[in-house]
Amino acid sequence: MVGTLDNADPQSVIEALDASGIAYVRSTVNGNILLNINGMGQVSYREAVRLGVINFSCA
C-alpha cells in the first residue's frame, strides 16, 4: 500500500519528494518522513497520503 511505503522503502519516498520539490524532513527520533505543506505545517507522509494531499502517478 502506498501509505506504508515510508516504512517499506523510505529511500524511494525521499527520491520522489526530492524530484517533486516537496519539502520534507526525516525525524531523528523515529525515522518518520514529515512533509512541510503550505497551510498545514508539518504533516507525516502517512497523514498526507490519507488526506489526499499527495497525488501519485506513473511516469
PDB file of N, CA and C in Angstrom:
ATOM      1  N   MET A   1       0.844  -1.187   0.000  1.00  0.00           N
ATOM      2  CA  MET A   1       0.000   0.000   0.000  1.00  0.00           C
ATOM      3  C   MET A   1       0.882   1.240   0.000  1.00  0.00           C
ATOM      4  N   VAL A   2       0.461   2.263  -0.709  1.00  0.00           N
ATOM      5  CA  VAL A   2       1.227   3.493  -0.857  1.00  0.00           C
ATOM      6  C   VAL A   2       1.429   4.189   0.480  1.00  0.00           C
ATOM      7  N   GLY A   3       0.453   4.127   1.348  1.00  0.00           N
ATOM      8  CA  GLY A   3       0.527   4.806   2.638  1.00  0.00           C
ATOM      9  C   GLY A   3       1.575   4.268   3.571  1.00  0.00           C
ATOM     10  N   THR A   4       2.053   3.062   3.344  1.00  0.00           N
ATOM     11  CA  THR A   4       3.087   2.479   4.202  1.00  0.00           C
ATOM     12  C   THR A   4       4.442   2.406   3.502  1.00  0.00           C
ATOM     13  N   LEU A   5       4.541   3.015   2.338  1.00  0.00           N
ATOM     14  CA  LEU A   5       5.784   2.982   1.583  1.00  0.00           C
ATOM     15  C   LEU A   5       6.932   3.631   2.342  1.00  0.00           C
ATOM     16  N   ASP A   6       6.624   4.564   3.242  1.00  0.00           N
ATOM     17  CA  ASP A   6       7.675   5.217   4.019  1.00  0.00           C
ATOM     18  C   ASP A   6       8.410   4.237   4.917  1.00  0.00           C
ATOM     19  N   ASN A   7       7.762   3.153   5.322  1.00  0.00           N
ATOM     20  CA  ASN A   7       8.429   2.114   6.114  1.00  0.00           C
ATOM     21  C   ASN A   7       9.046   1.047   5.234  1.00  0.00           C
ATOM     22  N   ALA A   8       8.359   0.678   4.161  1.00  0.00           N
ATOM     23  CA  ALA A   8       8.832  -0.392   3.286  1.00  0.00           C
ATOM     24  C   ALA A   8      10.025   0.045   2.444  1.00  0.00           C
ATOM     25  N   ASP A   9       9.986   1.264   1.918  1.00  0.00           N
ATOM     26  CA  ASP A   9      11.058   1.753   1.049  1.00  0.00           C
ATOM     27  C   ASP A   9      11.190   3.267   1.193  1.00  0.00           C
ATOM     28  N   PRO A  10      11.705   3.722   2.332  1.00  0.00           N
ATOM     29  CA  PRO A  10      11.768   5.170   2.578  1.00  0.00           C
ATOM     30  C   PRO A  10      12.634   5.910   1.562  1.00  0.00           C
ATOM     31  N   GLN A  11      13.655   5.269   1.033  1.00  0.00           N
ATOM     32  CA  GLN A  11      14.516   5.941   0.064  1.00  0.00           C
ATOM     33  C   GLN A  11      13.744   6.300  -1.203  1.00  0.00           C
ATOM     34  N   SER A  12      12.841   5.432  -1.627  1.00  0.00           N
ATOM     35  CA  SER A  12      12.015   5.730  -2.804  1.00  0.00           C
ATOM     36  C   SER A  12      11.098   6.921  -2.545  1.00  0.00           C
ATOM     37  N   VAL A  13      10.551   6.999  -1.346  1.00  0.00           N
ATOM     38  CA  VAL A  13       9.689   8.132  -0.988  1.00  0.00           C
ATOM     39  C   VAL A  13      10.506   9.421  -1.016  1.00  0.00           C
ATOM     40  N   ILE A  14      11.688   9.382  -0.432  1.00  0.00           N
ATOM     41  CA  ILE A  14      12.552  10.564  -0.386  1.00  0.00           C
ATOM     42  C   ILE A  14      12.943  11.003  -1.797  1.00  0.00           C
ATOM     43  N   GLU A  15      13.291  10.061  -2.657  1.00  0.00           N
ATOM     44  CA  GLU A  15      13.652  10.395  -4.036  1.00  0.00           C
ATOM     45  C   GLU A  15      12.475  11.028  -4.779  1.00  0.00           C
ATOM     46  N   ALA A  16      11.278  10.505  -4.562  1.00  0.00           N
ATOM     47  CA  ALA A  16      10.088  11.061  -5.215  1.00  0.00           C
ATOM     48  C   ALA A  16       9.784  12.466  -4.696  1.00  0.00           C
ATOM     49  N   LEU A  17       9.931  12.678  -3.403  1.00  0.00           N
ATOM     50  CA  LEU A  17       9.701  14.003  -2.834  1.00  0.00           C
ATOM     51  C   LEU A  17      10.723  14.996  -3.365  1.00  0.00           C
ATOM     52  N   ASP A  18      11.989  14.580  -3.443  1.00  0.00           N
ATOM     53  CA  ASP A  18      13.037  15.444  -3.995  1.00  0.00           C
ATOM     54  C   ASP A  18      12.723  15.814  -5.439  1.00  0.00           C
ATOM     55  N   ALA A  19      12.339  14.822  -6.242  1.00  0.00           N
ATOM     56  CA  ALA A  19      12.042  15.051  -7.658  1.00  0.00           C
ATOM     57  C   ALA A  19      10.842  15.974  -7.834  1.00  0.00           C
ATOM     58  N   SER A  20       9.902  15.927  -6.891  1.00  0.00           N
ATOM     59  CA  SER A  20       8.695  16.748  -6.969  1.00  0.00           C
ATOM     60  C   SER A  20       8.868  18.123  -6.346  1.00  0.00           C
ATOM     61  N   GLY A  21       9.971  18.318  -5.642  1.00  0.00           N
ATOM     62  CA  GLY A  21      10.207  19.603  -4.991  1.00  0.00           C
ATOM     63  C   GLY A  21       9.409  19.805  -3.726  1.00  0.00           C
ATOM     64  N   ILE A  22       8.948  18.712  -3.132  1.00  0.00           N
ATOM     65  CA  ILE A  22       8.178  18.800  -1.891  1.00  0.00           C
ATOM     66  C   ILE A  22       9.153  18.806  -0.711  1.00  0.00           C
ATOM     67  N   ALA A  23       9.063  19.829   0.128  1.00  0.00           N
ATOM     68  CA  ALA A  23       9.954  19.962   1.276  1.00  0.00           C
ATOM     69  C   ALA A  23       9.584  18.938   2.349  1.00  0.00           C
ATOM     70  N   TYR A  24      10.593  18.343   2.945  1.00  0.00           N
ATOM     71  CA  TYR A  24      10.374  17.339   3.991  1.00  0.00           C
ATOM     72  C   TYR A  24      11.570  17.306   4.930  1.00  0.00           C
ATOM     73  N   VAL A  25      11.379  16.676   6.069  1.00  0.00           N
ATOM     74  CA  VAL A  25      12.464  16.367   6.992  1.00  0.00           C
ATOM     75  C   VAL A  25      12.269  14.930   7.445  1.00  0.00           C
ATOM     76  N   ARG A  26      13.342  14.312   7.823  1.00  0.00           N
ATOM     77  CA  ARG A  26      13.277  12.942   8.347  1.00  0.00           C
ATOM     78  C   ARG A  26      13.476  13.023   9.853  1.00  0.00           C
ATOM     79  N   SER A  27      12.526  12.532  10.600  1.00  0.00           N
ATOM     80  CA  SER A  27      12.593  12.582  12.059  1.00  0.00           C
ATOM     81  C   SER A  27      13.786  11.779  12.559  1.00  0.00           C
ATOM     82  N   THR A  28      14.557  12.379  13.453  1.00  0.00           N
ATOM     83  CA  THR A  28      15.691  11.664  14.040  1.00  0.00           C
ATOM     84  C   THR A  28      15.240  10.744  15.165  1.00  0.00           C
ATOM     85  N   VAL A  29      14.018  10.947  15.647  1.00  0.00           N
ATOM     86  CA  VAL A  29      13.501  10.138  16.743  1.00  0.00           C
ATOM     87  C   VAL A  29      13.008   8.782  16.248  1.00  0.00           C
ATOM     88  N   ASN A  30      12.132   8.787  15.239  1.00  0.00           N
ATOM     89  CA  ASN A  30      11.534   7.532  14.789  1.00  0.00           C
ATOM     90  C   ASN A  30      11.688   7.282  13.290  1.00  0.00           C
ATOM     91  N   GLY A  31      12.351   8.189  12.580  1.00  0.00           N
ATOM     92  CA  GLY A  31      12.585   7.998  11.156  1.00  0.00           C
ATOM     93  C   GLY A  31      11.418   8.358  10.256  1.00  0.00           C
ATOM     94  N   ASN A  32      10.326   8.868  10.842  1.00  0.00           N
ATOM     95  CA  ASN A  32       9.178   9.267  10.022  1.00  0.00           C
ATOM     96  C   ASN A  32       9.558  10.378   9.059  1.00  0.00           C
ATOM     97  N   ILE A  33       8.917  10.380   7.907  1.00  0.00           N
ATOM     98  CA  ILE A  33       9.104  11.436   6.926  1.00  0.00           C
ATOM     99  C   ILE A  33       7.997  12.456   7.145  1.00  0.00           C
ATOM    100  N   LEU A  34       8.398  13.692   7.440  1.00  0.00           N
ATOM    101  CA  LEU A  34       7.457  14.766   7.715  1.00  0.00           C
ATOM    102  C   LEU A  34       7.515  15.771   6.573  1.00  0.00           C
ATOM    103  N   LEU A  35       6.368  16.037   5.956  1.00  0.00           N
ATOM    104  CA  LEU A  35       6.285  16.958   4.840  1.00  0.00           C
ATOM    105  C   LEU A  35       5.922  18.341   5.345  1.00  0.00           C
ATOM    106  N   ASN A  36       6.460  19.358   4.714  1.00  0.00           N
ATOM    107  CA  ASN A  36       6.108  20.740   5.029  1.00  0.00           C
ATOM    108  C   ASN A  36       5.087  21.192   4.001  1.00  0.00           C
ATOM    109  N   ILE A  37       3.819  21.204   4.392  1.00  0.00           N
ATOM    110  CA  ILE A  37       2.713  21.520   3.490  1.00  0.00           C
ATOM    111  C   ILE A  37       2.199  22.926   3.802  1.00  0.00           C
ATOM    112  N   ASN A  38       2.133  23.768   2.759  1.00  0.00           N
ATOM    113  CA  ASN A  38       1.615  25.124   2.944  1.00  0.00           C
ATOM    114  C   ASN A  38       0.202  25.078   3.519  1.00  0.00           C
ATOM    115  N   GLY A  39      -0.021  25.865   4.552  1.00  0.00           N
ATOM    116  CA  GLY A  39      -1.333  25.949   5.168  1.00  0.00           C
ATOM    117  C   GLY A  39      -1.615  24.848   6.182  1.00  0.00           C
ATOM    118  N   MET A  40      -0.753  23.821   6.226  1.00  0.00           N
ATOM    119  CA  MET A  40      -0.958  22.712   7.156  1.00  0.00           C
ATOM    120  C   MET A  40       0.210  22.534   8.117  1.00  0.00           C
ATOM    121  N   GLY A  41       1.361  23.076   7.771  1.00  0.00           N
ATOM    122  CA  GLY A  41       2.556  22.875   8.586  1.00  0.00           C
ATOM    123  C   GLY A  41       3.170  21.517   8.313  1.00  0.00           C
ATOM    124  N   GLN A  42       3.755  20.913   9.322  1.00  0.00           N
ATOM    125  CA  GLN A  42       4.372  19.594   9.159  1.00  0.00           C
ATOM    126  C   GLN A  42       3.337  18.494   9.282  1.00  0.00           C
ATOM    127  N   VAL A  43       3.327  17.621   8.290  1.00  0.00           N
ATOM    128  CA  VAL A  43       2.383  16.515   8.238  1.00  0.00           C
ATOM    129  C   VAL A  43       3.176  15.261   7.919  1.00  0.00           C
ATOM    130  N   SER A  44       2.879  14.166   8.601  1.00  0.00           N
ATOM    131  CA  SER A  44       3.579  12.921   8.301  1.00  0.00           C
ATOM    132  C   SER A  44       3.209  12.442   6.900  1.00  0.00           C
ATOM    133  N   TYR A  45       4.105  11.686   6.302  1.00  0.00           N
ATOM    134  CA  TYR A  45       3.851  11.127   4.971  1.00  0.00           C
ATOM    135  C   TYR A  45       2.537  10.349   4.969  1.00  0.00           C
ATOM    136  N   ARG A  46       2.344   9.514   5.957  1.00  0.00           N
ATOM    137  CA  ARG A  46       1.122   8.697   6.032  1.00  0.00           C
ATOM    138  C   ARG A  46      -0.134   9.552   6.099  1.00  0.00           C
ATOM    139  N   GLU A  47      -0.086  10.621   6.894  1.00  0.00           N
ATOM    140  CA  GLU A  47      -1.241  11.506   7.024  1.00  0.00           C
ATOM    141  C   GLU A  47      -1.505  12.234   5.708  1.00  0.00           C
ATOM    142  N   ALA A  48      -0.452  12.670   5.039  1.00  0.00           N
ATOM    143  CA  ALA A  48      -0.600  13.353   3.751  1.00  0.00           C
ATOM    144  C   ALA A  48      -1.246  12.434   2.719  1.00  0.00           C
ATOM    145  N   VAL A  49      -0.854  11.159   2.718  1.00  0.00           N
ATOM    146  CA  VAL A  49      -1.464  10.185   1.801  1.00  0.00           C
ATOM    147  C   VAL A  49      -2.930   9.987   2.164  1.00  0.00           C
ATOM    148  N   ARG A  50      -3.208   9.820   3.449  1.00  0.00           N
ATOM    149  CA  ARG A  50      -4.574   9.587   3.916  1.00  0.00           C
ATOM    150  C   ARG A  50      -5.498  10.745   3.567  1.00  0.00           C
ATOM    151  N   LEU A  51      -4.987  11.969   3.680  1.00  0.00           N
ATOM    152  CA  LEU A  51      -5.788  13.160   3.406  1.00  0.00           C
ATOM    153  C   LEU A  51      -5.876  13.487   1.911  1.00  0.00           C
ATOM    154  N   GLY A  52      -5.104  12.797   1.105  1.00  0.00           N
ATOM    155  CA  GLY A  52      -5.108  13.059  -0.330  1.00  0.00           C
ATOM    156  C   GLY A  52      -4.292  14.274  -0.728  1.00  0.00           C
ATOM    157  N   VAL A  53      -3.403  14.711   0.160  1.00  0.00           N
ATOM    158  CA  VAL A  53      -2.549  15.865  -0.114  1.00  0.00           C
ATOM    159  C   VAL A  53      -1.519  15.515  -1.187  1.00  0.00           C
ATOM    160  N   ILE A  54      -1.112  14.265  -1.239  1.00  0.00           N
ATOM    161  CA  ILE A  54      -0.134  13.791  -2.215  1.00  0.00           C
ATOM    162  C   ILE A  54      -0.871  12.998  -3.282  1.00  0.00           C
ATOM    163  N   ASN A  55      -0.596  13.303  -4.543  1.00  0.00           N
ATOM    164  CA  ASN A  55      -1.154  12.567  -5.667  1.00  0.00           C
ATOM    165  C   ASN A  55      -0.059  11.723  -6.286  1.00  0.00           C
ATOM    166  N   PHE A  56      -0.411  10.534  -6.727  1.00  0.00           N
ATOM    167  CA  PHE A  56       0.548   9.626  -7.326  1.00  0.00           C
ATOM    168  C   PHE A  56       0.222   9.406  -8.781  1.00  0.00           C
ATOM    169  N   SER A  57       1.273   9.271  -9.571  1.00  0.00           N
ATOM    170  CA  SER A  57       1.098   8.934 -10.985  1.00  0.00           C
ATOM    171  C   SER A  57       2.305   8.138 -11.440  1.00  0.00           C
ATOM    172  N   CYS A  58       2.116   7.378 -12.475  1.00  0.00           N
ATOM    173  CA  CYS A  58       3.203   6.592 -13.057  1.00  0.00           C
ATOM    174  C   CYS A  58       3.830   7.399 -14.177  1.00  0.00           C
ATOM    175  N   ALA A  59       5.144   7.392 -14.202  1.00  0.00           N
ATOM    176  CA  ALA A  59       5.845   8.125 -15.258  1.00  0.00           C
ATOM    177  C   ALA A  59       6.192   7.193 -16.402  1.00  0.00           C
TER     178      ALA A  59
END
